[in-house]
């Protein structure tokens, strides 16, 4: 039915399925899915995620799922790495990262995820300032120019990932103070 059709003659969901089929034809152990459901409507998005989930289980393949959509990442992934300017700032089991984010950037990302129930909505963290130029990364922590918890040391020290819980790591010198964000501790000495 699809053999003679051009890509422009396929729907977004059909094109995604064709791409997935093409990627699986050689029986890979790893499938890189870069924004596989972006630009798809909700029903097609759910179908593609279900298809990927089933393929992962049936074929025992690892799927590296890259997305800006934390809701689908939460549904689909076992482990999550949050990146800022090319560096992993938080890494851990998906549910741990989503339920108890330790890095200020992860917290800001989660604060703007739409919540359908108005009783469960929370205060949004709107980051101020410009995203630094990726070809001219600032010294110290990459996130410090926009971080609501930044202190002087953040400008000088480039934090490495450190364990904060079982399998959960964060690259932030203030990770213990991340809970202080709601208490008004922001931009001290920065």
Protein backbone atom coordinates (compact mmCIF):
# COMPACT_ATOMS: atom_id res chain seq x y z
CA UNK A 1 0.00 0.00 0.00
CA UNK A 2 2.85 2.42 0.78
CA UNK A 3 5.48 1.14 -1.65
CA UNK A 4 4.93 3.75 -4.38
CA UNK A 5 4.07 6.67 -2.12
CA UNK A 6 6.39 9.62 -1.59
CA UNK A 7 7.18 10.90 1.93
CA UNK A 8 5.02 13.98 1.33
CA UNK A 9 2.06 11.66 0.76
CA UNK A 10 2.39 10.12 4.24
CA UNK A 11 1.03 11.52 7.49
CA UNK A 12 3.44 12.47 10.28
CA UNK A 13 2.70 9.28 12.16
CA UNK A 14 3.16 7.15 9.03
CA UNK A 15 6.52 8.82 8.33
CA UNK A 16 7.65 8.14 11.91
CA UNK A 17 6.71 4.46 11.54
CA UNK A 18 8.62 4.21 8.24
CA UNK A 19 11.71 5.75 9.85
CA UNK A 20 11.46 3.38 12.83
CA UNK A 21 11.05 0.37 10.52
CA UNK A 22 14.09 1.48 8.51
CA UNK A 23 16.14 1.85 11.67
CA UNK A 24 15.14 -1.63 12.88
CA UNK A 25 15.74 -3.52 9.62
CA UNK A 26 19.37 -4.34 10.54
CA UNK A 27 18.46 -5.57 14.04
CA UNK A 28 20.35 -2.97 16.08
CA UNK A 29 21.04 -3.29 19.80
CA UNK A 30 20.73 0.49 20.19
CA UNK A 31 18.15 2.79 18.62
CA UNK A 32 18.72 6.54 18.83
CA UNK A 33 15.33 8.26 18.88
CA UNK A 34 15.86 12.02 18.60
CA UNK A 35 12.56 13.82 19.29
CA UNK A 36 10.57 10.91 17.79
CA UNK A 37 7.16 12.32 18.70
CA UNK A 38 7.68 16.05 18.30
CA UNK A 39 5.26 17.70 15.89
CA UNK A 40 2.76 14.84 16.21
CA UNK A 41 -0.73 15.21 17.63
CA UNK A 42 -1.49 13.58 20.97
CA UNK A 43 -3.15 10.41 19.66
CA UNK A 44 -0.36 9.67 17.16
CA UNK A 45 2.24 10.54 19.81
CA UNK A 46 0.73 7.91 22.13
CA UNK A 47 0.75 5.31 19.33
CA UNK A 48 4.41 5.93 18.48
CA UNK A 49 5.42 5.78 22.16
CA UNK A 50 3.50 2.51 22.57
CA UNK A 51 5.19 1.14 19.46
CA UNK A 52 8.65 2.08 20.76
CA UNK A 53 7.82 0.63 24.17
CA UNK A 54 6.68 -2.66 22.60
CA UNK A 55 9.73 -2.83 20.32
CA UNK A 56 12.05 -2.23 23.26
CA UNK A 57 10.49 -5.15 25.15
CA UNK A 58 10.13 -7.54 22.19
CA UNK A 59 13.53 -6.99 20.62
CA UNK A 60 15.47 -6.31 23.83
CA UNK A 61 16.99 -3.15 22.37
CA UNK A 62 18.18 -0.07 24.19
CA UNK A 63 16.56 3.17 23.08
CA UNK A 64 18.39 6.44 23.62
CA UNK A 65 15.43 8.79 23.75
CA UNK A 66 16.32 12.46 23.25
CA UNK A 67 13.60 15.02 23.91
CA UNK A 68 12.64 18.36 25.40
CA UNK A 69 9.31 16.84 26.45
CA UNK A 70 9.73 15.69 30.04
CA UNK A 71 6.23 14.19 30.11
CA UNK A 72 7.02 11.65 27.38
CA UNK A 73 10.47 11.03 28.85
CA UNK A 74 8.82 10.27 32.17
CA UNK A 75 6.48 7.79 30.52
CA UNK A 76 9.06 6.12 28.33
CA UNK A 77 12.45 6.05 30.05
CA UNK A 78 14.04 4.14 32.91
CA UNK A 79 16.97 6.55 33.41
CA UNK A 80 17.17 10.22 32.62
CA UNK A 81 20.04 12.61 31.95
CA UNK A 82 19.25 16.33 31.98
CA UNK A 83 21.71 18.40 29.94
CA UNK A 84 22.53 22.10 29.83
CA UNK A 85 24.88 23.46 27.15
CA UNK A 86 26.17 19.99 26.29
CA UNK A 87 26.89 18.87 29.85
CA UNK A 88 24.91 16.41 31.95
CA UNK A 89 23.76 18.29 35.06
CA UNK A 90 21.54 15.58 36.55
CA UNK A 91 21.43 11.84 36.01
CA UNK A 92 19.40 9.13 37.64
CA UNK A 93 16.38 6.87 37.62
CA UNK A 94 13.63 8.75 35.77
CA UNK A 95 11.11 8.69 38.60
CA UNK A 96 13.72 9.95 41.09
CA UNK A 97 14.76 12.82 38.81
CA UNK A 98 11.14 13.79 38.14
CA UNK A 99 9.92 13.43 41.73
CA UNK A 100 12.93 14.94 43.47
CA UNK A 101 14.98 17.03 41.05
CA UNK A 102 18.23 18.21 42.61
CA UNK A 103 19.67 20.57 39.96
CA UNK A 104 18.16 24.07 39.64
CA UNK A 105 17.87 23.66 35.86
CA UNK A 106 15.93 20.39 36.21
CA UNK A 107 13.66 22.09 38.76
CA UNK A 108 13.05 25.00 36.37
CA UNK A 109 12.24 22.62 33.49
CA UNK A 110 9.77 20.68 35.60
CA UNK A 111 8.14 23.82 36.98
CA UNK A 112 6.83 24.76 33.53
CA UNK A 113 5.43 21.34 32.57
CA UNK A 114 1.65 21.77 32.18
CA UNK A 115 -0.37 20.16 34.97
CA UNK A 116 -4.01 19.46 34.04
CA UNK A 117 -5.36 19.53 37.60
CA UNK A 118 -5.38 23.14 38.87
CA UNK A 119 -5.12 21.91 42.48
CA UNK A 120 -1.73 20.33 41.73
CA UNK A 121 -0.20 23.29 39.91
CA UNK A 122 2.88 24.83 41.40
CA UNK A 123 4.91 28.01 41.09
CA UNK A 124 6.78 28.30 37.81
CA UNK A 125 10.47 29.12 37.74
CA UNK A 126 11.11 31.49 34.86
CA UNK A 127 14.84 31.66 34.16
CA UNK A 128 16.22 35.12 33.59
CA UNK A 129 19.08 36.14 31.33
CA UNK A 130 20.33 34.91 28.01
CA UNK A 131 21.43 31.36 27.26
CA UNK A 132 25.22 31.57 26.89
CA UNK A 133 26.74 31.07 23.45
CA UNK A 134 27.63 27.34 23.15
CA UNK A 135 30.89 28.28 21.40
CA UNK A 136 31.83 30.60 24.29
CA UNK A 137 30.88 28.69 27.45
CA UNK A 138 31.23 30.81 30.60
CA UNK A 139 33.85 29.76 33.17
CA UNK A 140 32.63 27.84 36.20
CA UNK A 141 29.22 26.24 36.16
CA UNK A 142 27.62 26.59 32.74
CA UNK A 143 24.27 27.37 34.32
CA UNK A 144 25.43 30.07 36.77
CA UNK A 145 24.45 33.10 34.61
CA UNK A 146 20.79 32.00 34.79
CA UNK A 147 20.73 30.05 38.06
CA UNK A 148 18.49 31.38 40.84
CA UNK A 149 20.79 29.76 43.45
CA UNK A 150 24.15 30.92 42.05
CA UNK A 151 26.85 32.11 44.43
CA UNK A 152 30.33 33.45 43.69
CA UNK A 153 31.86 29.95 43.78
CA UNK A 154 29.56 28.95 40.88
CA UNK A 155 31.44 31.37 38.60
CA UNK A 156 34.76 29.74 39.52
CA UNK A 157 34.05 26.04 39.95
CA UNK A 158 32.84 23.71 37.19
CA UNK A 159 31.02 21.04 39.21
CA UNK A 160 31.29 17.38 38.32
CA UNK A 161 28.53 14.83 38.85
CA UNK A 162 28.39 13.70 42.47
CA UNK A 163 26.12 11.04 44.01
CA UNK A 164 23.16 12.43 45.94
CA UNK A 165 21.07 9.25 46.25
CA UNK A 166 21.20 5.66 45.00
CA UNK A 167 21.98 5.94 41.28
CA UNK A 168 21.16 9.67 41.29
CA UNK A 169 23.89 12.23 40.53
CA UNK A 170 23.94 16.00 40.19
CA UNK A 171 26.52 18.54 39.01
CA UNK A 172 25.84 21.43 41.37
CA UNK A 173 27.82 22.78 44.30
CA UNK A 174 24.52 23.95 45.82
CA UNK A 175 22.50 20.72 45.38
CA UNK A 176 21.75 20.51 49.08
CA UNK A 177 20.57 24.09 48.92
CA UNK A 178 18.26 23.47 45.97
CA UNK A 179 15.41 23.10 48.45
CA UNK A 180 16.19 26.61 49.67
CA UNK A 181 15.01 28.14 46.39
CA UNK A 182 11.53 28.63 47.77
CA UNK A 183 12.96 30.35 50.87
CA UNK A 184 14.40 33.30 48.95
CA UNK A 185 18.09 32.28 48.81
CA UNK A 186 18.90 33.50 45.32
CA UNK A 187 21.90 35.04 43.59
CA UNK A 188 23.88 35.34 46.82
CA UNK A 189 27.20 36.95 46.01
CA UNK A 190 26.79 36.45 42.27
